[in-house]
Amino acid sequence: MGILLDLIAAPFALRRLAAARRAVADVTPLVQDCGRLCRGACCQADESGENGMLLFPFEERLYRKPIQDFPFALKPDDTLCKGGFRLVCQGHCPREHRPLACRIFPLRVRVSVDDQRGEPCVAAEIDPRAWALCPLPEAGGMRAMRAEFADAVAEAGRHMCSNTFLLEALLNEQRMLDESRTL
């Protein structure tokens, strides 16, 4: 992204991103801490010794300064967007500083187009990456999670769809995950 476009686009994207993060700030998949079921499997390092969550466009700006009690690193990662980042942590964080991807996991935002109106339709669905780590998909799929959580994830998605950069990242992630299922 060019410097001028970055300066113009960032404030609008960050407002939509903030609204999406607020939508899922206080709601979780279960009434209790779901990390107790799996010992925080989604926060543990993978087989490469790295972990991390992909950040949505401009979300890295929320992590430019050190955050007390939250050691992390930003790593370049173009998976969602050119010039993108992944946040790598040590497996624990203050909840208010979780990236959006952490807040919505084990769900993801599914975007489709309403054939009648031509507008984006947003829904929450199980993230296919969750099957490898999270017991909730196997324990009943969407029914195993609070409806309020799924509604909040969809609400976060609607906020993101109102910004071109965030919508593009959602669609890139969706395409990547859908293609990985067909391999």
Protein backbone atom coordinates (compact mmCIF):
# COMPACT_ATOMS: atom_id res chain seq x y z
CA MET A 1 0.00 0.00 0.00
CA GLY A 2 1.36 3.44 -0.83
CA ILE A 3 2.06 5.94 1.92
CA LEU A 4 -0.72 8.33 0.89
CA LEU A 5 -3.29 5.56 0.57
CA ASP A 6 -2.13 4.19 3.90
CA LEU A 7 -2.62 7.58 5.58
CA ILE A 8 -6.08 8.00 4.09
CA ALA A 9 -7.31 4.41 4.48
CA ALA A 10 -5.98 3.59 7.94
CA PRO A 11 -8.33 5.75 10.07
CA PHE A 12 -11.46 4.35 8.38
CA ALA A 13 -10.26 0.75 8.57
CA LEU A 14 -9.20 1.15 12.20
CA ARG A 15 -12.65 2.47 13.15
CA ARG A 16 -14.33 -0.57 11.57
CA LEU A 17 -11.75 -2.86 13.13
CA ALA A 18 -12.35 -1.29 16.56
CA ALA A 19 -16.11 -1.84 16.16
CA ALA A 20 -15.50 -5.48 15.18
CA ARG A 21 -13.21 -6.02 18.18
CA ARG A 22 -15.80 -4.44 20.51
CA ALA A 23 -18.53 -6.71 19.14
CA VAL A 24 -16.64 -9.78 20.40
CA ALA A 25 -14.83 -8.24 23.36
CA ASP A 26 -16.95 -9.67 26.17
CA VAL A 27 -18.53 -12.79 24.70
CA THR A 28 -16.90 -16.21 24.53
CA PRO A 29 -17.84 -19.59 23.02
CA LEU A 30 -18.89 -20.96 26.42
CA VAL A 31 -20.16 -19.36 29.61
CA GLN A 32 -16.97 -20.48 31.35
CA ASP A 33 -13.40 -20.25 30.06
CA CYS A 34 -13.32 -22.67 27.13
CA GLY A 35 -9.52 -22.86 27.45
CA ARG A 36 -10.01 -25.06 30.50
CA LEU A 37 -11.39 -27.84 28.28
CA CYS A 38 -8.31 -28.02 26.07
CA ARG A 39 -5.66 -26.32 28.22
CA GLY A 40 -5.60 -23.38 25.85
CA ALA A 41 -4.67 -25.42 22.77
CA CYS A 42 -5.34 -22.47 20.46
CA CYS A 43 -2.74 -20.43 22.36
CA GLN A 44 0.05 -23.01 22.19
CA ALA A 45 2.94 -23.09 19.73
CA ASP A 46 2.58 -25.31 16.68
CA GLU A 47 4.99 -28.05 15.59
CA SER A 48 7.38 -25.43 14.18
CA GLY A 49 7.68 -23.84 17.62
CA GLU A 50 5.86 -20.75 16.42
CA ASN A 51 2.33 -19.73 17.04
CA GLY A 52 0.51 -16.66 16.07
CA MET A 53 -2.61 -15.15 14.70
CA LEU A 54 -2.97 -13.38 11.41
CA LEU A 55 -3.76 -9.73 11.89
CA PHE A 56 -6.32 -7.97 9.77
CA PRO A 57 -5.24 -4.91 7.78
CA PHE A 58 -3.98 -2.09 10.00
CA GLU A 59 -4.48 -4.17 13.19
CA GLU A 60 -0.70 -4.26 13.68
CA ARG A 61 -0.94 -0.57 14.59
CA LEU A 62 -2.54 -1.62 17.87
CA TYR A 63 0.64 -3.55 18.70
CA ARG A 64 3.35 -1.05 17.77
CA LYS A 65 4.15 -0.24 21.40
CA PRO A 66 4.98 -2.73 24.16
CA ILE A 67 1.97 -3.84 26.22
CA GLN A 68 2.52 -4.60 29.89
CA ASP A 69 2.25 -8.33 30.71
CA PHE A 70 1.95 -9.22 27.03
CA PRO A 71 5.20 -10.22 25.35
CA PHE A 72 4.66 -10.53 21.60
CA ALA A 73 6.35 -10.01 18.25
CA LEU A 74 5.01 -8.91 14.90
CA LYS A 75 6.14 -11.06 11.96
CA PRO A 76 5.58 -10.16 8.31
CA ASP A 77 2.90 -12.39 6.78
CA ASP A 78 1.16 -11.71 3.48
CA THR A 79 -1.49 -14.42 3.92
CA LEU A 80 -4.44 -12.03 4.32
CA CYS A 81 -3.06 -8.97 2.59
CA LYS A 82 0.11 -7.64 1.03
CA GLY A 83 2.27 -6.11 3.75
CA GLY A 84 0.32 -7.99 6.44
CA PHE A 85 1.45 -9.27 9.82
CA ARG A 86 1.07 -12.14 12.22
CA LEU A 87 1.21 -11.58 15.97
CA VAL A 88 3.31 -14.20 17.76
CA CYS A 89 2.86 -14.40 21.52
CA GLN A 90 3.96 -16.67 24.35
CA GLY A 91 0.56 -18.28 24.76
CA HIS A 92 -1.09 -15.86 27.17
CA CYS A 93 -2.28 -12.28 27.04
CA PRO A 94 -4.51 -9.76 28.74
CA ARG A 95 -7.94 -10.45 27.19
CA GLU A 96 -8.45 -6.83 26.14
CA HIS A 97 -5.37 -7.03 23.91
CA ARG A 98 -6.29 -10.22 22.01
CA PRO A 99 -6.17 -9.87 18.23
CA LEU A 100 -9.51 -10.09 16.45
CA ALA A 101 -8.64 -13.55 15.10
CA CYS A 102 -8.26 -14.80 18.69
CA ARG A 103 -11.52 -13.21 19.74
CA ILE A 104 -13.56 -15.01 17.09
CA PHE A 105 -11.85 -18.43 17.17
CA PRO A 106 -13.03 -21.27 16.87
CA LEU A 107 -15.39 -19.56 14.43
CA ARG A 108 -14.70 -17.54 11.32
CA VAL A 109 -16.65 -15.02 9.31
CA ARG A 110 -18.26 -16.37 6.13
CA VAL A 111 -19.14 -13.74 3.51
CA SER A 112 -21.48 -14.45 0.63
CA VAL A 113 -23.59 -12.28 -1.65
CA ASP A 114 -27.35 -11.95 -1.31
CA ASP A 115 -28.63 -12.86 -4.79
CA GLN A 116 -31.67 -10.61 -4.43
CA ARG A 117 -29.99 -7.41 -3.26
CA GLY A 118 -26.37 -8.00 -4.27
CA GLU A 119 -25.19 -7.10 -0.76
CA PRO A 120 -22.78 -9.07 1.43
CA CYS A 121 -24.38 -11.63 3.76
CA VAL A 122 -22.32 -12.40 6.82
CA ALA A 123 -22.50 -15.49 9.00
CA ALA A 124 -20.35 -17.17 11.61
CA GLU A 125 -19.24 -20.73 10.96
CA ILE A 126 -16.71 -23.14 12.40
CA ASP A 127 -13.17 -22.33 11.32
CA PRO A 128 -11.81 -25.49 9.66
CA ARG A 129 -8.52 -24.98 11.53
CA ALA A 130 -10.42 -25.42 14.80
CA TRP A 131 -11.04 -29.13 14.21
CA ALA A 132 -7.37 -29.88 14.91
CA LEU A 133 -7.27 -28.10 18.27
CA CYS A 134 -10.63 -27.24 19.71
CA PRO A 135 -12.97 -29.80 21.27
CA LEU A 136 -16.08 -27.68 20.61
CA PRO A 137 -16.59 -28.49 16.91
CA GLU A 138 -16.54 -32.21 17.65
CA ALA A 139 -18.69 -31.77 20.76
CA GLY A 140 -21.63 -30.48 18.75
CA GLY A 141 -20.41 -27.94 16.23
CA MET A 142 -22.17 -24.61 16.39
CA ARG A 143 -24.67 -26.02 18.90
CA ALA A 144 -21.80 -26.54 21.37
CA MET A 145 -21.23 -22.78 21.49
CA ARG A 146 -23.32 -19.96 22.85
CA ALA A 147 -25.62 -18.39 20.26
CA GLU A 148 -24.54 -14.97 21.58
CA PHE A 149 -20.97 -15.78 20.58
CA ALA A 150 -21.92 -16.74 17.01
CA ASP A 151 -24.10 -13.62 16.74
CA ALA A 152 -21.20 -11.44 17.96
CA VAL A 153 -18.82 -12.99 15.42
CA ALA A 154 -21.32 -12.27 12.64
CA GLU A 155 -21.70 -8.71 13.95
CA ALA A 156 -17.91 -8.29 13.87
CA GLY A 157 -17.99 -9.52 10.27
CA ARG A 158 -20.63 -6.97 9.31
CA HIS A 159 -18.44 -4.18 10.69
CA MET A 160 -15.50 -5.50 8.68
CA CYS A 161 -17.53 -5.77 5.47
CA SER A 162 -18.12 -2.02 5.54
CA ASN A 163 -14.41 -1.42 4.81
CA THR A 164 -12.85 -2.49 1.52
CA PHE A 165 -9.49 -3.49 3.04
CA LEU A 166 -11.04 -5.58 5.80
CA LEU A 167 -13.54 -7.17 3.43
CA GLU A 168 -10.74 -8.09 1.04
CA ALA A 169 -8.81 -9.73 3.91
CA LEU A 170 -11.91 -11.70 4.95
CA LEU A 171 -12.41 -12.89 1.38
CA ASN A 172 -8.73 -13.82 1.03
CA GLU A 173 -8.89 -15.86 4.23
CA GLN A 174 -12.14 -17.48 3.13
CA ARG A 175 -10.66 -18.42 -0.25
CA MET A 176 -7.52 -19.83 1.40
CA LEU A 177 -9.52 -21.94 3.87
CA ASP A 178 -11.99 -23.13 1.26
CA GLU A 179 -9.15 -24.15 -1.08
CA SER A 180 -7.38 -26.02 1.74
CA ARG A 181 -10.50 -28.15 2.25
CA THR A 182 -10.46 -29.31 -1.34
CA LEU A 183 -6.83 -30.46 -1.33
